[in-house]
C-alpha atoms as a PDB file:
ATOM      1  CA  UNK A   1      -5.065 -21.921  13.654  1.00  0.00           C
ATOM      2  CA  UNK A   2      -5.267 -25.173  11.655  1.00  0.00           C
ATOM      3  CA  UNK A   3      -7.175 -25.297   8.255  1.00  0.00           C
ATOM      4  CA  UNK A   4      -8.442 -28.663   6.899  1.00  0.00           C
ATOM      5  CA  UNK A   5      -8.802 -29.098   3.241  1.00  0.00           C
ATOM      6  CA  UNK A   6     -10.966 -31.899   1.867  1.00  0.00           C
ATOM      7  CA  UNK A   7     -10.394 -32.565  -1.775  1.00  0.00           C
ATOM      8  CA  UNK A   8     -12.705 -34.893  -3.721  1.00  0.00           C
ATOM      9  CA  UNK A   9     -12.107 -34.425  -7.425  1.00  0.00           C
ATOM     10  CA  UNK A  10      -9.407 -36.142  -9.602  1.00  0.00           C
ATOM     11  CA  UNK A  11      -6.143 -34.393 -10.257  1.00  0.00           C
ATOM     12  CA  UNK A  12      -6.948 -33.514 -13.811  1.00  0.00           C
ATOM     13  CA  UNK A  13     -10.154 -32.927 -15.748  1.00  0.00           C
ATOM     14  CA  UNK A  14     -11.556 -30.455 -13.388  1.00  0.00           C
ATOM     15  CA  UNK A  15      -9.803 -27.550 -11.617  1.00  0.00           C
ATOM     16  CA  UNK A  16     -11.162 -28.167  -8.101  1.00  0.00           C
ATOM     17  CA  UNK A  17      -8.317 -30.138  -6.633  1.00  0.00           C
ATOM     18  CA  UNK A  18      -5.874 -27.648  -8.365  1.00  0.00           C
ATOM     19  CA  UNK A  19      -7.663 -24.677  -6.797  1.00  0.00           C
ATOM     20  CA  UNK A  20      -7.788 -26.315  -3.394  1.00  0.00           C
ATOM     21  CA  UNK A  21      -4.128 -27.065  -3.623  1.00  0.00           C
ATOM     22  CA  UNK A  22      -3.400 -23.393  -4.690  1.00  0.00           C
ATOM     23  CA  UNK A  23      -4.934 -22.085  -1.657  1.00  0.00           C
ATOM     24  CA  UNK A  24      -3.553 -24.762   0.672  1.00  0.00           C
ATOM     25  CA  UNK A  25       0.035 -24.010  -0.706  1.00  0.00           C
ATOM     26  CA  UNK A  26      -0.440 -20.204  -0.259  1.00  0.00           C
ATOM     27  CA  UNK A  27      -1.459 -20.705   3.342  1.00  0.00           C
ATOM     28  CA  UNK A  28       1.185 -23.154   4.039  1.00  0.00           C
ATOM     29  CA  UNK A  29       3.834 -20.708   2.746  1.00  0.00           C
ATOM     30  CA  UNK A  30       2.428 -18.086   5.065  1.00  0.00           C
ATOM     31  CA  UNK A  31       3.079 -20.523   8.095  1.00  0.00           C
ATOM     32  CA  UNK A  32      -0.673 -21.733   8.381  1.00  0.00           C
ATOM     33  CA  UNK A  33      -1.172 -25.131   9.764  1.00  0.00           C
ATOM     34  CA  UNK A  34      -2.584 -27.347   6.954  1.00  0.00           C
ATOM     35  CA  UNK A  35      -4.110 -30.552   7.029  1.00  0.00           C
ATOM     36  CA  UNK A  36      -5.022 -31.960   3.576  1.00  0.00           C
ATOM     37  CA  UNK A  37      -7.350 -35.067   3.187  1.00  0.00           C
ATOM     38  CA  UNK A  38      -7.702 -36.675  -0.195  1.00  0.00           C
ATOM     39  CA  UNK A  39     -10.935 -38.513  -0.613  1.00  0.00           C
ATOM     40  CA  UNK A  40     -12.604 -40.370  -3.465  1.00  0.00           C
ATOM     41  CA  UNK A  41     -11.035 -39.613  -6.812  1.00  0.00           C
ATOM     42  CA  UNK A  42      -8.765 -37.143  -5.143  1.00  0.00           C
ATOM     43  CA  UNK A  43      -6.785 -40.046  -3.950  1.00  0.00           C
ATOM     44  CA  UNK A  44      -5.191 -40.120  -7.358  1.00  0.00           C
ATOM     45  CA  UNK A  45      -3.720 -36.725  -6.765  1.00  0.00           C
ATOM     46  CA  UNK A  46      -1.223 -38.407  -4.408  1.00  0.00           C
ATOM     47  CA  UNK A  47       0.191 -40.948  -6.964  1.00  0.00           C
ATOM     48  CA  UNK A  48       3.817 -40.170  -7.798  1.00  0.00           C
ATOM     49  CA  UNK A  49       5.241 -40.143 -11.151  1.00  0.00           C
ATOM     50  CA  UNK A  50       2.730 -37.748 -12.922  1.00  0.00           C
ATOM     51  CA  UNK A  51       3.801 -36.582 -16.125  1.00  0.00           C
ATOM     52  CA  UNK A  52       1.969 -33.600 -17.775  1.00  0.00           C
ATOM     53  CA  UNK A  53       2.561 -31.611 -20.902  1.00  0.00           C
ATOM     54  CA  UNK A  54       4.882 -28.616 -20.578  1.00  0.00           C
ATOM     55  CA  UNK A  55       3.198 -25.605 -19.295  1.00  0.00           C
ATOM     56  CA  UNK A  56       0.433 -27.632 -17.513  1.00  0.00           C
ATOM     57  CA  UNK A  57       0.085 -27.704 -13.732  1.00  0.00           C
ATOM     58  CA  UNK A  58       1.428 -30.743 -11.935  1.00  0.00           C
ATOM     59  CA  UNK A  59      -0.620 -31.873  -8.938  1.00  0.00           C
ATOM     60  CA  UNK A  60       2.309 -33.993  -7.496  1.00  0.00           C
ATOM     61  CA  UNK A  61       4.559 -31.022  -7.381  1.00  0.00           C
ATOM     62  CA  UNK A  62       1.863 -28.949  -5.719  1.00  0.00           C
ATOM     63  CA  UNK A  63       1.133 -31.706  -3.117  1.00  0.00           C
ATOM     64  CA  UNK A  64       4.837 -31.908  -2.245  1.00  0.00           C
ATOM     65  CA  UNK A  65       5.133 -28.234  -1.831  1.00  0.00           C
ATOM     66  CA  UNK A  66       2.215 -28.239   0.608  1.00  0.00           C
ATOM     67  CA  UNK A  67       4.024 -31.060   2.580  1.00  0.00           C
ATOM     68  CA  UNK A  68       7.466 -29.335   2.314  1.00  0.00           C
ATOM     69  CA  UNK A  69       5.848 -26.202   4.002  1.00  0.00           C
ATOM     70  CA  UNK A  70       4.682 -28.377   6.888  1.00  0.00           C
ATOM     71  CA  UNK A  71       1.386 -29.539   5.717  1.00  0.00           C
ATOM     72  CA  UNK A  72       0.182 -32.988   6.588  1.00  0.00           C
ATOM     73  CA  UNK A  73      -1.278 -34.765   3.648  1.00  0.00           C
ATOM     74  CA  UNK A  74      -3.584 -38.000   4.259  1.00  0.00           C
ATOM     75  CA  UNK A  75      -5.067 -40.126   1.601  1.00  0.00           C
ATOM     76  CA  UNK A  76      -8.156 -42.122   2.272  1.00  0.00           C
ATOM     77  CA  UNK A  77      -7.085 -45.927   2.442  1.00  0.00           C
ATOM     78  CA  UNK A  78     -10.361 -47.120   1.226  1.00  0.00           C
ATOM     79  CA  UNK A  79     -10.241 -44.919  -1.725  1.00  0.00           C
ATOM     80  CA  UNK A  80      -6.602 -45.899  -2.550  1.00  0.00           C
ATOM     81  CA  UNK A  81      -7.587 -49.605  -2.447  1.00  0.00           C
ATOM     82  CA  UNK A  82     -10.562 -48.904  -4.802  1.00  0.00           C
ATOM     83  CA  UNK A  83      -8.338 -47.370  -7.252  1.00  0.00           C
ATOM     84  CA  UNK A  84      -5.500 -49.865  -6.909  1.00  0.00           C
ATOM     85  CA  UNK A  85      -3.001 -47.325  -5.445  1.00  0.00           C
ATOM     86  CA  UNK A  86      -0.397 -48.970  -3.102  1.00  0.00           C
ATOM     87  CA  UNK A  87       1.298 -47.162  -0.295  1.00  0.00           C
ATOM     88  CA  UNK A  88       4.584 -47.270  -2.153  1.00  0.00           C
ATOM     89  CA  UNK A  89       2.961 -45.232  -5.011  1.00  0.00           C
ATOM     90  CA  UNK A  90       2.193 -42.184  -2.862  1.00  0.00           C
ATOM     91  CA  UNK A  91       4.058 -38.953  -3.348  1.00  0.00           C
ATOM     92  CA  UNK A  92       6.770 -38.083  -0.707  1.00  0.00           C
ATOM     93  CA  UNK A  93       5.016 -36.276   2.154  1.00  0.00           C
ATOM     94  CA  UNK A  94       1.661 -38.175   1.867  1.00  0.00           C
ATOM     95  CA  UNK A  95       0.567 -41.102   3.861  1.00  0.00           C
ATOM     96  CA  UNK A  96      -2.357 -43.688   3.891  1.00  0.00           C
ATOM     97  CA  UNK A  97      -5.022 -42.294   6.106  1.00  0.00           C
ATOM     98  CA  UNK A  98      -8.561 -43.208   7.397  1.00  0.00           C
ATOM     99  CA  UNK A  99     -11.965 -41.877   8.128  1.00  0.00           C
ATOM    100  CA  UNK A 100     -10.831 -41.865  11.886  1.00  0.00           C
ATOM    101  CA  UNK A 101      -8.060 -39.528  11.079  1.00  0.00           C
ATOM    102  CA  UNK A 102     -10.254 -37.223   9.031  1.00  0.00           C
ATOM    103  CA  UNK A 103     -12.702 -37.204  12.003  1.00  0.00           C
ATOM    104  CA  UNK A 104      -9.914 -36.102  14.344  1.00  0.00           C
ATOM    105  CA  UNK A 105      -8.663 -33.493  11.956  1.00  0.00           C
ATOM    106  CA  UNK A 106     -12.317 -32.190  11.512  1.00  0.00           C
ATOM    107  CA  UNK A 107     -12.887 -31.939  15.156  1.00  0.00           C
ATOM    108  CA  UNK A 108      -9.512 -30.065  15.685  1.00  0.00           C
ATOM    109  CA  UNK A 109      -9.548 -27.720  12.793  1.00  0.00           C
ATOM    110  CA  UNK A 110     -10.739 -24.100  13.130  1.00  0.00           C
ATOM    111  CA  UNK A 111     -11.706 -24.016   9.398  1.00  0.00           C
ATOM    112  CA  UNK A 112     -12.713 -26.925   7.037  1.00  0.00           C
ATOM    113  CA  UNK A 113     -12.597 -26.120   3.357  1.00  0.00           C
ATOM    114  CA  UNK A 114     -14.200 -28.732   0.875  1.00  0.00           C
ATOM    115  CA  UNK A 115     -13.245 -28.816  -2.740  1.00  0.00           C
END
């Protein structure tokens, strides 16, 4: 059973992307097939090199964990371009994606969760 997560919020400033990644990570660790699509300001979640204060969550680390457990991470290419994020700046395990890929994932997922 595949679950699609669509994240819309930036990596920091709200906790929506954080909470979406917490659930995606938990499901991925249990063997659930995960598709994660970063849309709008959530595209910044996939930028590598994030440095946060000690004791603060790190979205980059969380994204890598989802990918390491078999999750597929797509980042809206249009949203990347609008924010000046190049393909080489994406975290390991994430790729430039498109609305067509999101459409395919949505049609094939048993569950779609939007954060």
